[in-house]
Each structure stands twice: as C-alpha cells, then as structure tokens.
Amino acid sequence: MIKTINLRYIEERFEEIKEEKTKAEKELGRIITWEDFIYNKIRR
C-alpha cells in the first residue's frame, strides 16, 4: 500500500511533529533521521 505525504498537513503540524521526533530520540537515546522518522510514522 502506498501512502502519500500531505505537505500541508506537515506544515500545519510541524512543531508538534518536531516535538514527537525529539521525544522519540530521547526514548531511544540516539539521533533519528527525518527520513527514518517519517518512514516509521507512515508504516504505523
């Protein structure tokens, strides 16, 4: 299944998404690339 990334959605929620990424990095104890973070969000 292919999911598209809605750029308007990302623009509207960027700060919230950035906080989610930072929280995930703290939980894992390492830096996550934006590509990996977005890929994992799409897979869920």
PDB file of N, CA and C in Angstrom:
ATOM      1  N   MET A   1       0.847  -1.185   0.000  1.00  0.00           N
ATOM      2  CA  MET A   1       0.000   0.000   0.000  1.00  0.00           C
ATOM      3  C   MET A   1       0.893   1.250   0.000  1.00  0.00           C
ATOM      4  N   ILE A   2       0.555   2.200  -0.834  1.00  0.00           N
ATOM      5  CA  ILE A   2       1.318   3.438  -0.925  1.00  0.00           C
ATOM      6  C   ILE A   2       0.541   4.545  -0.231  1.00  0.00           C
ATOM      7  N   LYS A   3       1.233   5.254   0.663  1.00  0.00           N
ATOM      8  CA  LYS A   3       0.630   6.409   1.316  1.00  0.00           C
ATOM      9  C   LYS A   3       1.365   7.657   0.829  1.00  0.00           C
ATOM     10  N   THR A   4       0.652   8.708   0.586  1.00  0.00           N
ATOM     11  CA  THR A   4       1.291   9.956   0.173  1.00  0.00           C
ATOM     12  C   THR A   4       1.484  10.836   1.396  1.00  0.00           C
ATOM     13  N   ILE A   5       2.483  11.670   1.335  1.00  0.00           N
ATOM     14  CA  ILE A   5       2.740  12.613   2.418  1.00  0.00           C
ATOM     15  C   ILE A   5       2.063  13.925   2.051  1.00  0.00           C
ATOM     16  N   ASN A   6       1.169  14.369   2.880  1.00  0.00           N
ATOM     17  CA  ASN A   6       0.454  15.619   2.646  1.00  0.00           C
ATOM     18  C   ASN A   6       1.294  16.758   3.228  1.00  0.00           C
ATOM     19  N   LEU A   7       1.911  17.550   2.354  1.00  0.00           N
ATOM     20  CA  LEU A   7       2.802  18.617   2.814  1.00  0.00           C
ATOM     21  C   LEU A   7       2.070  19.687   3.614  1.00  0.00           C
ATOM     22  N   ARG A   8       0.837  19.973   3.262  1.00  0.00           N
ATOM     23  CA  ARG A   8       0.079  20.980   4.013  1.00  0.00           C
ATOM     24  C   ARG A   8      -0.107  20.504   5.450  1.00  0.00           C
ATOM     25  N   TYR A   9      -0.407  19.208   5.622  1.00  0.00           N
ATOM     26  CA  TYR A   9      -0.566  18.618   6.954  1.00  0.00           C
ATOM     27  C   TYR A   9       0.733  18.764   7.754  1.00  0.00           C
ATOM     28  N   ILE A  10       1.862  18.488   7.109  1.00  0.00           N
ATOM     29  CA  ILE A  10       3.153  18.602   7.797  1.00  0.00           C
ATOM     30  C   ILE A  10       3.421  20.053   8.179  1.00  0.00           C
ATOM     31  N   GLU A  11       3.149  20.984   7.265  1.00  0.00           N
ATOM     32  CA  GLU A  11       3.363  22.399   7.559  1.00  0.00           C
ATOM     33  C   GLU A  11       2.518  22.858   8.743  1.00  0.00           C
ATOM     34  N   GLU A  12       1.268  22.411   8.798  1.00  0.00           N
ATOM     35  CA  GLU A  12       0.373  22.831   9.877  1.00  0.00           C
ATOM     36  C   GLU A  12       0.786  22.245  11.223  1.00  0.00           C
ATOM     37  N   ARG A  13       1.358  21.062  11.205  1.00  0.00           N
ATOM     38  CA  ARG A  13       1.691  20.369  12.459  1.00  0.00           C
ATOM     39  C   ARG A  13       3.188  20.273  12.713  1.00  0.00           C
ATOM     40  N   PHE A  14       4.011  21.086  12.034  1.00  0.00           N
ATOM     41  CA  PHE A  14       5.456  20.901  12.088  1.00  0.00           C
ATOM     42  C   PHE A  14       6.019  20.918  13.509  1.00  0.00           C
ATOM     43  N   GLU A  15       5.617  21.898  14.304  1.00  0.00           N
ATOM     44  CA  GLU A  15       6.150  21.991  15.675  1.00  0.00           C
ATOM     45  C   GLU A  15       5.793  20.746  16.483  1.00  0.00           C
ATOM     46  N   GLU A  16       4.557  20.284  16.350  1.00  0.00           N
ATOM     47  CA  GLU A  16       4.118  19.082  17.065  1.00  0.00           C
ATOM     48  C   GLU A  16       4.902  17.850  16.596  1.00  0.00           C
ATOM     49  N   ILE A  17       5.106  17.745  15.298  1.00  0.00           N
ATOM     50  CA  ILE A  17       5.858  16.617  14.734  1.00  0.00           C
ATOM     51  C   ILE A  17       7.309  16.669  15.212  1.00  0.00           C
ATOM     52  N   LYS A  18       7.887  17.876  15.246  1.00  0.00           N
ATOM     53  CA  LYS A  18       9.268  18.038  15.691  1.00  0.00           C
ATOM     54  C   LYS A  18       9.410  17.609  17.155  1.00  0.00           C
ATOM     55  N   GLU A  19       8.418  17.943  17.990  1.00  0.00           N
ATOM     56  CA  GLU A  19       8.432  17.517  19.395  1.00  0.00           C
ATOM     57  C   GLU A  19       8.338  15.999  19.510  1.00  0.00           C
ATOM     58  N   GLU A  20       7.497  15.379  18.669  1.00  0.00           N
ATOM     59  CA  GLU A  20       7.382  13.912  18.661  1.00  0.00           C
ATOM     60  C   GLU A  20       8.726  13.272  18.327  1.00  0.00           C
ATOM     61  N   LYS A  21       9.410  13.836  17.335  1.00  0.00           N
ATOM     62  CA  LYS A  21      10.711  13.310  16.909  1.00  0.00           C
ATOM     63  C   LYS A  21      11.728  13.438  18.047  1.00  0.00           C
ATOM     64  N   THR A  22      11.746  14.589  18.708  1.00  0.00           N
ATOM     65  CA  THR A  22      12.678  14.811  19.822  1.00  0.00           C
ATOM     66  C   THR A  22      12.399  13.832  20.959  1.00  0.00           C
ATOM     67  N   LYS A  23      11.126  13.608  21.256  1.00  0.00           N
ATOM     68  CA  LYS A  23      10.740  12.666  22.308  1.00  0.00           C
ATOM     69  C   LYS A  23      11.199  11.247  21.955  1.00  0.00           C
ATOM     70  N   ALA A  24      10.992  10.855  20.698  1.00  0.00           N
ATOM     71  CA  ALA A  24      11.421   9.523  20.253  1.00  0.00           C
ATOM     72  C   ALA A  24      12.931   9.379  20.351  1.00  0.00           C
ATOM     73  N   GLU A  25      13.660  10.438  20.012  1.00  0.00           N
ATOM     74  CA  GLU A  25      15.122  10.393  20.108  1.00  0.00           C
ATOM     75  C   GLU A  25      15.569  10.215  21.552  1.00  0.00           C
ATOM     76  N   LYS A  26      14.910  10.904  22.471  1.00  0.00           N
ATOM     77  CA  LYS A  26      15.260  10.778  23.897  1.00  0.00           C
ATOM     78  C   LYS A  26      14.978   9.367  24.399  1.00  0.00           C
ATOM     79  N   GLU A  27      13.845   8.786  23.963  1.00  0.00           N
ATOM     80  CA  GLU A  27      13.498   7.425  24.387  1.00  0.00           C
ATOM     81  C   GLU A  27      14.500   6.407  23.859  1.00  0.00           C
ATOM     82  N   LEU A  28      14.942   6.594  22.615  1.00  0.00           N
ATOM     83  CA  LEU A  28      15.884   5.648  22.006  1.00  0.00           C
ATOM     84  C   LEU A  28      17.331   5.945  22.393  1.00  0.00           C
ATOM     85  N   GLY A  29      17.585   7.175  22.808  1.00  0.00           N
ATOM     86  CA  GLY A  29      18.943   7.557  23.179  1.00  0.00           C
ATOM     87  C   GLY A  29      19.848   7.751  21.984  1.00  0.00           C
ATOM     88  N   ARG A  30      19.282   8.088  20.844  1.00  0.00           N
ATOM     89  CA  ARG A  30      20.098   8.350  19.650  1.00  0.00           C
ATOM     90  C   ARG A  30      19.353   9.289  18.719  1.00  0.00           C
ATOM     91  N   ILE A  31      20.091   9.829  17.770  1.00  0.00           N
ATOM     92  CA  ILE A  31      19.509  10.727  16.776  1.00  0.00           C
ATOM     93  C   ILE A  31      18.790   9.901  15.713  1.00  0.00           C
ATOM     94  N   ILE A  32      17.612  10.345  15.318  1.00  0.00           N
ATOM     95  CA  ILE A  32      16.837   9.693  14.264  1.00  0.00           C
ATOM     96  C   ILE A  32      16.803  10.646  13.071  1.00  0.00           C
ATOM     97  N   THR A  33      17.063  10.134  11.885  1.00  0.00           N
ATOM     98  CA  THR A  33      16.974  10.998  10.707  1.00  0.00           C
ATOM     99  C   THR A  33      15.509  11.296  10.415  1.00  0.00           C
ATOM    100  N   TRP A  34      15.267  12.417   9.755  1.00  0.00           N
ATOM    101  CA  TRP A  34      13.890  12.752   9.382  1.00  0.00           C
ATOM    102  C   TRP A  34      13.306  11.681   8.491  1.00  0.00           C
ATOM    103  N   GLU A  35      14.131  11.136   7.583  1.00  0.00           N
ATOM    104  CA  GLU A  35      13.656  10.096   6.666  1.00  0.00           C
ATOM    105  C   GLU A  35      13.160   8.876   7.437  1.00  0.00           C
ATOM    106  N   ASP A  36      13.955   8.421   8.410  1.00  0.00           N
ATOM    107  CA  ASP A  36      13.558   7.259   9.219  1.00  0.00           C
ATOM    108  C   ASP A  36      12.309   7.564  10.040  1.00  0.00           C
ATOM    109  N   PHE A  37      12.258   8.762  10.612  1.00  0.00           N
ATOM    110  CA  PHE A  37      11.124   9.134  11.448  1.00  0.00           C
ATOM    111  C   PHE A  37       9.833   9.143  10.637  1.00  0.00           C
ATOM    112  N   ILE A  38       9.861   9.771   9.475  1.00  0.00           N
ATOM    113  CA  ILE A  38       8.663   9.845   8.622  1.00  0.00           C
ATOM    114  C   ILE A  38       8.285   8.468   8.105  1.00  0.00           C
ATOM    115  N   TYR A  39       9.283   7.691   7.694  1.00  0.00           N
ATOM    116  CA  TYR A  39       9.016   6.333   7.209  1.00  0.00           C
ATOM    117  C   TYR A  39       8.303   5.504   8.285  1.00  0.00           C
ATOM    118  N   ASN A  40       8.796   5.597   9.517  1.00  0.00           N
ATOM    119  CA  ASN A  40       8.183   4.840  10.613  1.00  0.00           C
ATOM    120  C   ASN A  40       6.776   5.338  10.934  1.00  0.00           C
ATOM    121  N   LYS A  41       6.539   6.645  10.815  1.00  0.00           N
ATOM    122  CA  LYS A  41       5.184   7.178  11.043  1.00  0.00           C
ATOM    123  C   LYS A  41       4.223   6.668   9.969  1.00  0.00           C
ATOM    124  N   ILE A  42       4.682   6.616   8.733  1.00  0.00           N
ATOM    125  CA  ILE A  42       3.832   6.156   7.633  1.00  0.00           C
ATOM    126  C   ILE A  42       3.495   4.679   7.814  1.00  0.00           C
ATOM    127  N   ARG A  43       4.457   3.895   8.268  1.00  0.00           N
ATOM    128  CA  ARG A  43       4.248   2.451   8.440  1.00  0.00           C
ATOM    129  C   ARG A  43       3.213   2.143   9.503  1.00  0.00           C
ATOM    130  N   ARG A  44       3.064   3.025  10.500  1.00  0.00           N
ATOM    131  CA  ARG A  44       2.109   2.756  11.588  1.00  0.00           C
ATOM    132  C   ARG A  44       0.694   2.857  11.131  1.00  0.00           C
TER     133      ARG A  44
END
